[in-house]
Amino acid sequence: MPKKLRQLKNSRRGTGPGAQPRRHIVGIGELLGRQPLLRSLEATQAVRQDWLEWLGRRLPEALAPHCCQVLFRNGELTVFADSAAWSARLRYALAELETAIRQRDERVTAIRIRTLAAG
């Protein structure tokens, strides 16, 4: 019958034979920054915010606060308004800005206006 190996109680504390060396503690921000998916989401969020600010400067003062979110995907610029009434007004305002939008980014092939769901 083989002998049982003696457990080293000190190995858990980082001393004694077979103990693991202490590792550098990494912050949560650095861990999240290593994830490629999160980096791409961060870049996408920056593009959204850039479009939202750009439109906010060019839309009428009464309409700009009701433009909630902007998405740019596959050449399609989708602008969200906070209600159906503001969505209709936004549709006319964006029709006037269409040439400026296409000059800003020639990849824009379509402009859509949507109402952001409540809740």
N, C-alpha and C. Protein backbone atom coordinates (compact mmCIF):
# COMPACT_ATOMS: atom_id res chain seq x y z
N MET A 1 0.84 -1.16 0.00
CA MET A 1 0.00 0.00 0.00
C MET A 1 0.90 1.24 0.00
N PRO A 2 0.63 2.18 -0.94
CA PRO A 2 1.50 3.35 -1.02
C PRO A 2 1.27 4.30 0.16
N LYS A 3 2.31 5.06 0.45
CA LYS A 3 2.20 6.03 1.54
C LYS A 3 1.42 7.25 1.07
N LYS A 4 0.69 7.81 1.98
CA LYS A 4 -0.02 9.05 1.69
C LYS A 4 0.97 10.20 1.74
N LEU A 5 0.82 11.13 0.78
CA LEU A 5 1.68 12.31 0.78
C LEU A 5 1.26 13.26 1.88
N ARG A 6 2.25 13.80 2.54
CA ARG A 6 1.98 14.73 3.61
C ARG A 6 1.57 16.07 3.02
N GLN A 7 0.50 16.63 3.50
CA GLN A 7 0.04 17.92 2.99
C GLN A 7 0.89 19.03 3.57
N LEU A 8 1.20 19.96 2.72
CA LEU A 8 1.96 21.13 3.16
C LEU A 8 0.98 22.26 3.43
N LYS A 9 0.78 22.55 4.68
CA LYS A 9 -0.18 23.57 5.03
C LYS A 9 0.30 24.97 4.63
N ASN A 10 1.59 25.16 4.60
CA ASN A 10 2.14 26.48 4.29
C ASN A 10 2.05 26.81 2.79
N SER A 11 1.81 25.83 1.94
CA SER A 11 1.80 26.08 0.50
C SER A 11 0.66 27.02 0.09
N ARG A 12 -0.37 27.05 0.88
CA ARG A 12 -1.49 27.93 0.55
C ARG A 12 -1.16 29.38 0.85
N ARG A 13 -0.26 29.63 1.77
CA ARG A 13 0.08 30.99 2.14
C ARG A 13 1.22 31.55 1.30
N GLY A 14 1.76 30.76 0.40
CA GLY A 14 2.82 31.26 -0.45
C GLY A 14 4.21 30.98 0.05
N THR A 15 4.35 30.13 1.06
CA THR A 15 5.68 29.76 1.54
C THR A 15 5.81 28.25 1.48
N GLY A 16 6.99 27.78 1.41
CA GLY A 16 7.21 26.34 1.38
C GLY A 16 7.37 25.82 -0.03
N PRO A 17 7.76 24.57 -0.15
CA PRO A 17 7.97 24.01 -1.48
C PRO A 17 6.66 23.86 -2.24
N GLY A 18 6.70 24.15 -3.54
CA GLY A 18 5.51 24.01 -4.37
C GLY A 18 4.55 25.18 -4.29
N ALA A 19 4.92 26.20 -3.55
CA ALA A 19 4.03 27.37 -3.42
C ALA A 19 4.09 28.20 -4.69
N GLN A 20 2.98 28.76 -5.05
CA GLN A 20 2.91 29.62 -6.22
C GLN A 20 3.43 31.02 -5.87
N PRO A 21 4.19 31.63 -6.76
CA PRO A 21 4.65 32.99 -6.47
C PRO A 21 3.46 33.96 -6.53
N ARG A 22 3.56 35.04 -5.80
CA ARG A 22 2.47 36.01 -5.79
C ARG A 22 2.39 36.68 -7.15
N ARG A 23 1.18 36.86 -7.58
CA ARG A 23 0.96 37.48 -8.89
C ARG A 23 0.52 38.92 -8.71
N HIS A 24 0.74 39.67 -9.76
CA HIS A 24 0.33 41.07 -9.76
C HIS A 24 -1.20 41.13 -9.82
N ILE A 25 -1.80 41.91 -8.95
CA ILE A 25 -3.24 42.05 -8.93
C ILE A 25 -3.63 43.05 -10.02
N VAL A 26 -4.58 42.65 -10.85
CA VAL A 26 -5.01 43.46 -11.99
C VAL A 26 -6.38 44.05 -11.68
N GLY A 27 -6.55 45.32 -11.99
CA GLY A 27 -7.82 46.01 -11.76
C GLY A 27 -8.88 45.58 -12.76
N ILE A 28 -10.11 45.81 -12.42
CA ILE A 28 -11.23 45.41 -13.27
C ILE A 28 -11.22 46.17 -14.59
N GLY A 29 -10.80 47.43 -14.57
CA GLY A 29 -10.74 48.22 -15.80
C GLY A 29 -9.74 47.62 -16.79
N GLU A 30 -8.61 47.17 -16.28
CA GLU A 30 -7.60 46.56 -17.15
C GLU A 30 -8.10 45.22 -17.69
N LEU A 31 -8.78 44.44 -16.86
CA LEU A 31 -9.31 43.16 -17.32
C LEU A 31 -10.36 43.36 -18.41
N LEU A 32 -11.23 44.33 -18.21
CA LEU A 32 -12.26 44.59 -19.21
C LEU A 32 -11.65 45.15 -20.50
N GLY A 33 -10.58 45.92 -20.36
CA GLY A 33 -9.92 46.49 -21.52
C GLY A 33 -9.26 45.45 -22.40
N ARG A 34 -8.98 44.29 -21.87
CA ARG A 34 -8.34 43.22 -22.65
C ARG A 34 -9.33 42.48 -23.54
N GLN A 35 -10.61 42.62 -23.29
CA GLN A 35 -11.62 41.88 -24.03
C GLN A 35 -11.89 42.56 -25.37
N PRO A 36 -11.70 41.85 -26.49
CA PRO A 36 -11.92 42.49 -27.80
C PRO A 36 -13.37 42.88 -28.03
N LEU A 37 -14.30 42.12 -27.52
CA LEU A 37 -15.71 42.45 -27.70
C LEU A 37 -16.04 43.77 -27.00
N LEU A 38 -15.53 43.94 -25.80
CA LEU A 38 -15.80 45.17 -25.06
C LEU A 38 -15.12 46.36 -25.72
N ARG A 39 -13.93 46.15 -26.29
CA ARG A 39 -13.27 47.24 -27.00
C ARG A 39 -14.07 47.66 -28.22
N SER A 40 -14.64 46.69 -28.95
CA SER A 40 -15.43 47.04 -30.13
C SER A 40 -16.73 47.74 -29.72
N LEU A 41 -17.32 47.33 -28.60
CA LEU A 41 -18.51 48.02 -28.11
C LEU A 41 -18.20 49.45 -27.71
N GLU A 42 -17.03 49.63 -27.12
CA GLU A 42 -16.62 50.96 -26.71
C GLU A 42 -16.42 51.86 -27.94
N ALA A 43 -15.83 51.31 -28.99
CA ALA A 43 -15.64 52.07 -30.23
C ALA A 43 -16.99 52.39 -30.87
N THR A 44 -17.91 51.44 -30.85
CA THR A 44 -19.24 51.67 -31.41
C THR A 44 -19.97 52.75 -30.63
N GLN A 45 -19.83 52.74 -29.32
CA GLN A 45 -20.47 53.75 -28.49
C GLN A 45 -19.90 55.13 -28.79
N ALA A 46 -18.61 55.21 -29.06
CA ALA A 46 -18.00 56.49 -29.40
C ALA A 46 -18.57 57.02 -30.72
N VAL A 47 -18.78 56.15 -31.70
CA VAL A 47 -19.36 56.56 -32.98
C VAL A 47 -20.78 57.04 -32.78
N ARG A 48 -21.55 56.33 -31.97
CA ARG A 48 -22.94 56.73 -31.68
C ARG A 48 -22.99 58.11 -31.04
N GLN A 49 -22.13 58.31 -30.06
CA GLN A 49 -22.11 59.58 -29.34
C GLN A 49 -21.68 60.71 -30.27
N ASP A 50 -20.73 60.45 -31.14
CA ASP A 50 -20.28 61.44 -32.10
C ASP A 50 -21.40 61.87 -33.04
N TRP A 51 -22.14 60.89 -33.57
CA TRP A 51 -23.27 61.19 -34.44
C TRP A 51 -24.35 61.98 -33.69
N LEU A 52 -24.63 61.58 -32.46
CA LEU A 52 -25.66 62.25 -31.67
C LEU A 52 -25.30 63.71 -31.42
N GLU A 53 -24.05 63.98 -31.08
CA GLU A 53 -23.60 65.34 -30.86
C GLU A 53 -23.63 66.15 -32.15
N TRP A 54 -23.22 65.53 -33.25
CA TRP A 54 -23.20 66.22 -34.53
C TRP A 54 -24.62 66.62 -34.95
N LEU A 55 -25.56 65.69 -34.82
CA LEU A 55 -26.95 66.00 -35.15
C LEU A 55 -27.54 67.04 -34.19
N GLY A 56 -27.18 66.93 -32.92
CA GLY A 56 -27.69 67.88 -31.92
C GLY A 56 -27.29 69.31 -32.22
N ARG A 57 -26.11 69.52 -32.81
CA ARG A 57 -25.67 70.86 -33.17
C ARG A 57 -26.40 71.40 -34.39
N ARG A 58 -26.91 70.53 -35.25
CA ARG A 58 -27.53 70.95 -36.50
C ARG A 58 -29.05 70.95 -36.48
N LEU A 59 -29.63 70.24 -35.56
CA LEU A 59 -31.10 70.21 -35.46
C LEU A 59 -31.60 71.48 -34.76
N PRO A 60 -32.87 71.84 -34.99
CA PRO A 60 -33.44 72.99 -34.27
C PRO A 60 -33.39 72.76 -32.76
N GLU A 61 -33.31 73.85 -32.01
CA GLU A 61 -33.15 73.76 -30.55
C GLU A 61 -34.30 73.00 -29.88
N ALA A 62 -35.50 73.14 -30.39
CA ALA A 62 -36.65 72.45 -29.79
C ALA A 62 -36.63 70.95 -30.09
N LEU A 63 -36.00 70.56 -31.18
CA LEU A 63 -36.01 69.16 -31.61
C LEU A 63 -34.82 68.36 -31.08
N ALA A 64 -33.70 69.00 -30.90
CA ALA A 64 -32.46 68.30 -30.52
C ALA A 64 -32.58 67.47 -29.24
N PRO A 65 -33.22 67.96 -28.17
CA PRO A 65 -33.31 67.13 -26.96
C PRO A 65 -34.16 65.87 -27.13
N HIS A 66 -34.99 65.83 -28.14
CA HIS A 66 -35.87 64.68 -28.35
C HIS A 66 -35.24 63.61 -29.25
N CYS A 67 -34.06 63.88 -29.73
CA CYS A 67 -33.29 62.89 -30.49
C CYS A 67 -32.49 62.08 -29.46
N CYS A 68 -32.92 60.84 -29.22
CA CYS A 68 -32.40 60.06 -28.10
C CYS A 68 -31.15 59.25 -28.42
N GLN A 69 -31.13 58.65 -29.58
CA GLN A 69 -30.05 57.71 -29.89
C GLN A 69 -29.84 57.66 -31.39
N VAL A 70 -28.60 57.38 -31.80
CA VAL A 70 -28.26 57.26 -33.21
C VAL A 70 -27.45 55.99 -33.39
N LEU A 71 -27.83 55.18 -34.38
CA LEU A 71 -27.09 53.96 -34.70
C LEU A 71 -26.61 54.05 -36.14
N PHE A 72 -25.40 53.61 -36.39
CA PHE A 72 -24.89 53.53 -37.75
C PHE A 72 -24.43 52.10 -37.98
N ARG A 73 -25.14 51.40 -38.88
CA ARG A 73 -24.83 50.00 -39.13
C ARG A 73 -25.07 49.69 -40.60
N ASN A 74 -24.08 49.11 -41.26
CA ASN A 74 -24.18 48.68 -42.66
C ASN A 74 -24.66 49.79 -43.58
N GLY A 75 -24.14 50.98 -43.37
CA GLY A 75 -24.48 52.10 -44.24
C GLY A 75 -25.82 52.74 -43.93
N GLU A 76 -26.49 52.29 -42.91
CA GLU A 76 -27.81 52.81 -42.55
C GLU A 76 -27.71 53.60 -41.25
N LEU A 77 -28.11 54.85 -41.30
CA LEU A 77 -28.14 55.71 -40.13
C LEU A 77 -29.55 55.70 -39.57
N THR A 78 -29.70 55.21 -38.35
CA THR A 78 -31.01 55.14 -37.70
C THR A 78 -31.02 56.11 -36.54
N VAL A 79 -31.98 57.01 -36.56
CA VAL A 79 -32.11 58.03 -35.52
C VAL A 79 -33.39 57.75 -34.74
N PHE A 80 -33.28 57.73 -33.42
CA PHE A 80 -34.42 57.43 -32.56
C PHE A 80 -34.91 58.71 -31.89
N ALA A 81 -36.23 58.89 -31.91
CA ALA A 81 -36.88 60.00 -31.21
C ALA A 81 -37.63 59.43 -30.01
N ASP A 82 -37.94 60.30 -29.05
CA ASP A 82 -38.58 59.78 -27.84
C ASP A 82 -40.09 59.63 -27.94
N SER A 83 -40.72 60.12 -29.02
CA SER A 83 -42.16 59.90 -29.21
C SER A 83 -42.47 59.94 -30.70
N ALA A 84 -43.66 59.50 -31.05
CA ALA A 84 -44.06 59.48 -32.45
C ALA A 84 -44.20 60.88 -33.02
N ALA A 85 -44.67 61.81 -32.21
CA ALA A 85 -44.82 63.19 -32.68
C ALA A 85 -43.47 63.81 -33.01
N TRP A 86 -42.49 63.60 -32.14
CA TRP A 86 -41.15 64.13 -32.40
C TRP A 86 -40.47 63.36 -33.53
N SER A 87 -40.84 62.12 -33.71
CA SER A 87 -40.30 61.33 -34.80
C SER A 87 -40.71 61.91 -36.15
N ALA A 88 -41.95 62.36 -36.26
CA ALA A 88 -42.43 62.97 -37.51
C ALA A 88 -41.69 64.28 -37.78
N ARG A 89 -41.49 65.09 -36.74
CA ARG A 89 -40.75 66.34 -36.91
C ARG A 89 -39.30 66.08 -37.27
N LEU A 90 -38.74 65.05 -36.67
CA LEU A 90 -37.35 64.69 -36.95
C LEU A 90 -37.18 64.22 -38.39
N ARG A 91 -38.19 63.54 -38.92
CA ARG A 91 -38.14 63.05 -40.30
C ARG A 91 -37.97 64.23 -41.27
N TYR A 92 -38.73 65.32 -41.05
CA TYR A 92 -38.63 66.49 -41.92
C TYR A 92 -37.30 67.23 -41.73
N ALA A 93 -36.84 67.32 -40.50
CA ALA A 93 -35.58 68.01 -40.23
C ALA A 93 -34.40 67.25 -40.85
N LEU A 94 -34.44 65.92 -40.78
CA LEU A 94 -33.35 65.14 -41.35
C LEU A 94 -33.39 65.14 -42.88
N ALA A 95 -34.55 65.33 -43.46
CA ALA A 95 -34.64 65.44 -44.91
C ALA A 95 -33.88 66.68 -45.38
N GLU A 96 -33.96 67.77 -44.59
CA GLU A 96 -33.22 68.98 -44.93
C GLU A 96 -31.72 68.81 -44.71
N LEU A 97 -31.33 67.98 -43.75
CA LEU A 97 -29.92 67.76 -43.43
C LEU A 97 -29.29 66.61 -44.21
N GLU A 98 -30.03 65.98 -45.09
CA GLU A 98 -29.54 64.77 -45.76
C GLU A 98 -28.24 65.00 -46.52
N THR A 99 -28.11 66.11 -47.23
CA THR A 99 -26.87 66.35 -47.98
C THR A 99 -25.70 66.55 -47.03
N ALA A 100 -25.92 67.25 -45.91
CA ALA A 100 -24.84 67.45 -44.93
C ALA A 100 -24.44 66.12 -44.29
N ILE A 101 -25.42 65.26 -44.05
CA ILE A 101 -25.12 63.94 -43.46
C ILE A 101 -24.28 63.12 -44.43
N ARG A 102 -24.65 63.13 -45.69
CA ARG A 102 -23.90 62.34 -46.68
C ARG A 102 -22.52 62.94 -46.94
N GLN A 103 -22.37 64.26 -46.78
CA GLN A 103 -21.04 64.86 -46.90
C GLN A 103 -20.17 64.48 -45.71
N ARG A 104 -20.77 64.37 -44.55
CA ARG A 104 -20.00 63.98 -43.36
C ARG A 104 -19.47 62.56 -43.48
N ASP A 105 -20.31 61.66 -43.98
CA ASP A 105 -19.91 60.27 -44.14
C ASP A 105 -20.56 59.72 -45.40
N GLU A 106 -19.74 59.46 -46.43
CA GLU A 106 -20.28 58.99 -47.71
C GLU A 106 -20.77 57.55 -47.65
N ARG A 107 -20.50 56.84 -46.55
CA ARG A 107 -20.97 55.47 -46.41
C ARG A 107 -22.46 55.39 -46.10
N VAL A 108 -23.07 56.51 -45.72
CA VAL A 108 -24.50 56.53 -45.39
C VAL A 108 -25.30 56.32 -46.67
N THR A 109 -26.04 55.23 -46.72
CA THR A 109 -26.88 54.93 -47.88
C THR A 109 -28.36 55.14 -47.60
N ALA A 110 -28.75 55.06 -46.34
CA ALA A 110 -30.15 55.23 -45.97
C ALA A 110 -30.24 55.89 -44.60
N ILE A 111 -31.28 56.68 -44.42
CA ILE A 111 -31.53 57.34 -43.14
C ILE A 111 -32.92 56.91 -42.68
N ARG A 112 -32.99 56.34 -41.49
CA ARG A 112 -34.26 55.87 -40.94
C ARG A 112 -34.53 56.58 -39.62
N ILE A 113 -35.80 56.81 -39.36
CA ILE A 113 -36.22 57.42 -38.11
C ILE A 113 -37.13 56.43 -37.39
N ARG A 114 -36.84 56.20 -36.13
CA ARG A 114 -37.62 55.27 -35.33
C ARG A 114 -38.03 55.94 -34.02
N THR A 115 -39.07 55.39 -33.41
CA THR A 115 -39.50 55.85 -32.11
C THR A 115 -38.95 54.92 -31.06
N LEU A 116 -38.32 55.47 -30.04
CA LEU A 116 -37.75 54.67 -28.98
C LEU A 116 -38.88 54.17 -28.09
N ALA A 117 -38.89 52.87 -27.85
CA ALA A 117 -39.96 52.27 -27.04
C ALA A 117 -39.89 52.78 -25.61
N ALA A 118 -41.01 53.12 -25.05
CA ALA A 118 -41.07 53.60 -23.67
C ALA A 118 -40.83 52.45 -22.72
N GLY A 119 -40.11 52.74 -21.63
CA GLY A 119 -39.87 51.73 -20.62
C GLY A 119 -38.64 51.02 -20.91
